[in-house]
């Protein structure tokens, strides 16, 4: 079922690009988001063993020593027995970035850049996060569409 839906979406994208003389970037973004919505993450937890969650529902992942806390759109938190580096390698690099050493954020869950000089982001759910000076260039490049707001 998963592979069929993925193939259908890929075919939609291919057909749109090949048959369109004027490509609308917003349409491509919607198709991309639809395609990304199918990707899931398997977490190893203490209580239930393994939990599967859609990657696009993750707002951020927070490091807690050797563990990771997944903060989801619905407010739920899931503690994973794996560290942040492990999860960063597993997750979509175009969707997630390191804000600083203890936070991995979903760039599609960022509402706005509050203050570039103070290095603060507003995430969905009204959570304010700081990003490191070292990651300033990556924040600017991946979130450039939010700089104008």
Protein backbone atom coordinates (compact mmCIF):
# COMPACT_ATOMS: atom_id res chain seq x y z
CA UNK A 1 0.00 0.00 0.00
CA UNK A 2 2.77 2.44 0.98
CA UNK A 3 4.78 1.79 -2.19
CA UNK A 4 1.70 2.15 -4.42
CA UNK A 5 0.82 5.54 -2.93
CA UNK A 6 4.43 6.72 -3.19
CA UNK A 7 4.57 5.64 -6.85
CA UNK A 8 1.29 7.44 -7.59
CA UNK A 9 2.62 10.67 -6.09
CA UNK A 10 5.94 10.35 -7.95
CA UNK A 11 4.00 9.81 -11.19
CA UNK A 12 1.92 12.94 -10.46
CA UNK A 13 5.10 14.97 -10.00
CA UNK A 14 6.70 13.59 -13.16
CA UNK A 15 3.55 14.14 -15.22
CA UNK A 16 3.17 17.70 -13.91
CA UNK A 17 6.79 18.63 -14.69
CA UNK A 18 6.77 17.06 -18.16
CA UNK A 19 3.39 18.44 -19.24
CA UNK A 20 3.53 21.92 -17.78
CA UNK A 21 4.98 24.85 -19.68
CA UNK A 22 4.87 27.09 -16.60
CA UNK A 23 5.78 25.24 -13.41
CA UNK A 24 4.16 26.53 -10.22
CA UNK A 25 6.57 26.08 -7.31
CA UNK A 26 3.68 25.94 -4.82
CA UNK A 27 2.15 22.96 -6.64
CA UNK A 28 5.50 21.17 -6.50
CA UNK A 29 5.79 21.95 -2.77
CA UNK A 30 2.33 20.48 -2.16
CA UNK A 31 3.23 17.32 -4.06
CA UNK A 32 6.53 17.10 -2.19
CA UNK A 33 4.75 17.47 1.14
CA UNK A 34 2.25 14.80 0.14
CA UNK A 35 5.14 12.50 -0.73
CA UNK A 36 6.99 13.25 2.50
CA UNK A 37 3.88 12.63 4.53
CA UNK A 38 4.28 8.92 3.84
CA UNK A 39 7.64 8.56 5.58
CA UNK A 40 7.59 7.13 9.08
CA UNK A 41 10.08 6.83 11.92
CA UNK A 42 10.38 3.79 14.14
CA UNK A 43 11.27 4.70 17.72
CA UNK A 44 12.49 2.33 20.39
CA UNK A 45 10.80 3.32 23.65
CA UNK A 46 10.93 2.10 27.23
CA UNK A 47 7.20 1.64 27.79
CA UNK A 48 5.85 0.17 24.56
CA UNK A 49 8.93 -1.18 22.81
CA UNK A 50 8.57 0.21 19.30
CA UNK A 51 6.41 3.10 18.12
CA UNK A 52 5.94 4.19 14.51
CA UNK A 53 5.16 7.86 13.88
CA UNK A 54 4.85 9.94 10.68
CA UNK A 55 7.99 12.02 10.22
CA UNK A 56 6.03 15.14 9.29
CA UNK A 57 4.27 15.16 12.71
CA UNK A 58 7.56 15.69 14.55
CA UNK A 59 8.01 19.33 15.59
CA UNK A 60 11.39 18.83 17.23
CA UNK A 61 13.64 16.26 18.87
CA UNK A 62 15.38 17.17 22.11
CA UNK A 63 18.49 15.46 23.51
CA UNK A 64 18.40 14.24 27.11
CA UNK A 65 21.78 12.62 27.78
CA UNK A 66 21.77 9.32 25.83
CA UNK A 67 18.04 9.57 25.05
CA UNK A 68 15.85 11.66 22.75
CA UNK A 69 12.47 13.25 23.38
CA UNK A 70 10.24 13.57 20.32
CA UNK A 71 7.79 16.50 20.51
CA UNK A 72 4.84 15.90 18.17
CA UNK A 73 2.28 18.28 16.64
CA UNK A 74 -0.48 16.98 18.92
CA UNK A 75 1.56 17.87 22.03
CA UNK A 76 2.54 14.27 22.74
CA UNK A 77 6.10 13.52 23.84
CA UNK A 78 7.79 10.19 23.18
CA UNK A 79 11.08 9.26 24.83
CA UNK A 80 13.36 7.21 22.59
CA UNK A 81 16.20 5.09 23.92
CA UNK A 82 18.44 6.26 21.07
CA UNK A 83 20.54 9.43 21.03
CA UNK A 84 20.01 12.51 18.86
CA UNK A 85 22.82 11.67 16.41
CA UNK A 86 21.22 8.31 15.64
CA UNK A 87 17.89 9.94 14.83
CA UNK A 88 19.46 12.74 12.81
CA UNK A 89 21.04 10.16 10.49
CA UNK A 90 17.68 8.40 10.03
CA UNK A 91 15.57 11.48 9.32
CA UNK A 92 15.06 13.49 6.13
CA UNK A 93 17.91 15.99 5.81
CA UNK A 94 15.73 18.38 3.82
CA UNK A 95 13.10 18.40 6.55
CA UNK A 96 15.20 18.42 9.74
CA UNK A 97 18.20 20.44 10.85
CA UNK A 98 20.25 20.88 13.99
CA UNK A 99 19.29 24.07 15.82
CA UNK A 100 22.09 23.41 18.29
CA UNK A 101 23.74 20.42 19.92
CA UNK A 102 20.63 19.40 21.87
CA UNK A 103 17.82 20.21 19.39
CA UNK A 104 16.84 18.82 16.01
CA UNK A 105 13.98 20.80 14.43
CA UNK A 106 11.52 20.22 11.62
CA UNK A 107 12.01 23.26 9.37
CA UNK A 108 8.40 22.98 8.17
CA UNK A 109 7.23 23.44 11.76
CA UNK A 110 8.99 26.82 12.19
CA UNK A 111 6.45 29.66 12.30
CA UNK A 112 8.95 32.49 12.07
CA UNK A 113 12.38 33.76 12.98
CA UNK A 114 11.70 35.99 15.98
CA UNK A 115 15.07 37.67 16.14
CA UNK A 116 18.00 36.76 13.94
CA UNK A 117 20.54 38.54 16.14
CA UNK A 118 19.31 36.85 19.32
CA UNK A 119 19.05 33.58 17.33
CA UNK A 120 15.44 32.75 18.25
CA UNK A 121 12.84 30.74 16.33
CA UNK A 122 9.12 30.40 17.00
CA UNK A 123 7.96 26.83 16.45
CA UNK A 124 4.36 25.70 15.99
CA UNK A 125 2.82 25.28 19.41
CA UNK A 126 4.32 28.64 20.55
CA UNK A 127 7.66 27.14 21.58
CA UNK A 128 10.61 29.52 21.32
CA UNK A 129 13.98 27.90 20.58
CA UNK A 130 17.44 29.33 20.26
CA UNK A 131 19.83 28.22 17.55
CA UNK A 132 23.61 28.27 17.79
CA UNK A 133 25.90 30.81 16.13
CA UNK A 134 27.58 27.91 14.36
CA UNK A 135 24.27 27.03 12.66
CA UNK A 136 23.41 30.60 11.63
CA UNK A 137 24.28 30.02 7.96
CA UNK A 138 22.17 26.84 7.77
CA UNK A 139 19.23 28.58 9.45
CA UNK A 140 19.48 31.46 6.97
CA UNK A 141 19.65 29.15 3.96
CA UNK A 142 16.92 26.70 4.99
CA UNK A 143 14.58 29.29 6.48
CA UNK A 144 15.26 32.19 4.10
CA UNK A 145 11.55 32.39 3.23
CA UNK A 146 10.85 33.37 6.87
CA UNK A 147 13.43 36.18 6.98
CA UNK A 148 11.08 38.62 5.23
CA UNK A 149 8.29 38.21 7.81
